[in-house]
Amino acid sequence: MPAIRPISDLRNRAREIARVCHTSNRPVFITRNGESDLVVMSQAHYNRLVARLELYQRLEEAEHQVRRGRKTLGHQEVMRKLRAKLG
């Protein structure tokens, strides 16, 4: 169940909101006049979201390159190259 708080809690209960973000590892949704307005989350949670988005972007770019005919490596070839680099 998502945590939903009124915007007044940002001022009056900021520490509690921070604790919820850190302990539940989930964002807190802030409302203004009964409407969704903001999302508050821990820095760690934000960093994971950004990393996931960057990964999705890289995967999309790779898929685009494959569709355009770029040569790809098979699993065995990739593993061989990784092992060679790791030594």
Protein backbone atom coordinates (compact mmCIF):
# COMPACT_ATOMS: atom_id res chain seq x y z
CA MET A 1 0.00 0.00 0.00
CA PRO A 2 1.55 3.34 -0.97
CA ALA A 3 2.21 5.96 1.70
CA ILE A 4 0.15 9.06 0.97
CA ARG A 5 0.53 12.23 3.03
CA PRO A 6 -0.78 15.79 2.82
CA ILE A 7 1.72 18.49 1.95
CA SER A 8 1.47 19.92 5.48
CA ASP A 9 3.28 16.79 6.70
CA LEU A 10 6.39 17.88 4.82
CA ARG A 11 6.63 20.83 7.16
CA ASN A 12 5.29 19.25 10.32
CA ARG A 13 6.52 15.66 10.04
CA ALA A 14 9.52 15.73 7.72
CA ARG A 15 11.57 13.37 9.91
CA GLU A 16 8.76 10.84 9.97
CA ILE A 17 8.41 10.99 6.19
CA ALA A 18 12.18 10.51 5.82
CA ARG A 19 12.05 7.52 8.17
CA VAL A 20 9.23 5.96 6.15
CA CYS A 21 11.16 6.47 2.91
CA HIS A 22 14.29 4.86 4.34
CA THR A 23 12.72 1.99 6.26
CA SER A 24 10.13 0.95 3.70
CA ASN A 25 12.41 1.67 0.73
CA ARG A 26 9.36 3.10 -1.03
CA PRO A 27 8.36 6.60 -2.04
CA VAL A 28 5.85 8.71 -0.13
CA PHE A 29 3.22 10.44 -2.26
CA ILE A 30 2.40 13.99 -1.21
CA THR A 31 -0.98 15.55 -1.94
CA ARG A 32 -2.02 19.19 -2.18
CA ASN A 33 -5.72 20.00 -1.92
CA GLY A 34 -6.49 16.29 -2.21
CA GLU A 35 -4.62 15.92 -5.52
CA SER A 36 -1.33 14.11 -6.10
CA ASP A 37 1.47 16.69 -6.21
CA LEU A 38 4.91 15.34 -5.21
CA VAL A 39 6.81 12.13 -4.62
CA VAL A 40 9.44 11.95 -1.87
CA MET A 41 11.96 9.10 -1.78
CA SER A 42 15.32 8.24 -0.31
CA GLN A 43 18.45 9.01 -2.28
CA ALA A 44 19.23 5.28 -2.47
CA HIS A 45 15.83 4.55 -3.98
CA TYR A 46 16.25 7.40 -6.48
CA ASN A 47 19.72 6.14 -7.46
CA ARG A 48 18.34 2.66 -8.15
CA LEU A 49 15.56 4.11 -10.32
CA VAL A 50 18.03 6.20 -12.31
CA ALA A 51 20.35 3.21 -12.78
CA ARG A 52 17.42 1.10 -14.00
CA LEU A 53 16.37 3.80 -16.46
CA GLU A 54 19.93 4.10 -17.77
CA LEU A 55 20.07 0.33 -18.24
CA TYR A 56 16.77 0.34 -20.14
CA GLN A 57 18.07 3.16 -22.34
CA ARG A 58 21.24 1.22 -23.14
CA LEU A 59 19.24 -1.90 -23.93
CA GLU A 60 16.98 0.11 -26.23
CA GLU A 61 20.02 1.56 -28.02
CA ALA A 62 21.52 -1.92 -28.44
CA GLU A 63 18.25 -3.28 -29.83
CA HIS A 64 18.10 -0.37 -32.26
CA GLN A 65 21.64 -1.11 -33.43
CA VAL A 66 20.76 -4.77 -33.98
CA ARG A 67 17.69 -3.79 -36.01
CA ARG A 68 19.93 -1.59 -38.17
CA GLY A 69 22.13 -4.59 -38.93
CA ARG A 70 25.02 -4.11 -36.55
CA LYS A 71 26.95 -7.31 -35.99
CA THR A 72 26.42 -8.85 -32.57
CA LEU A 73 28.33 -11.35 -30.48
CA GLY A 74 26.86 -14.58 -29.20
CA HIS A 75 26.92 -15.58 -25.56
CA GLN A 76 29.96 -17.85 -25.95
CA GLU A 77 32.01 -15.11 -27.64
CA VAL A 78 31.10 -12.55 -24.99
CA MET A 79 32.05 -14.95 -22.19
CA ARG A 80 35.36 -15.77 -23.89
CA LYS A 81 36.23 -12.06 -24.17
CA LEU A 82 35.25 -11.38 -20.56
CA ARG A 83 37.35 -14.28 -19.30
CA ALA A 84 40.31 -13.05 -21.35
CA LYS A 85 40.01 -9.57 -19.81
CA LEU A 86 39.65 -10.92 -16.28
CA GLY A 87 42.73 -12.94 -16.79
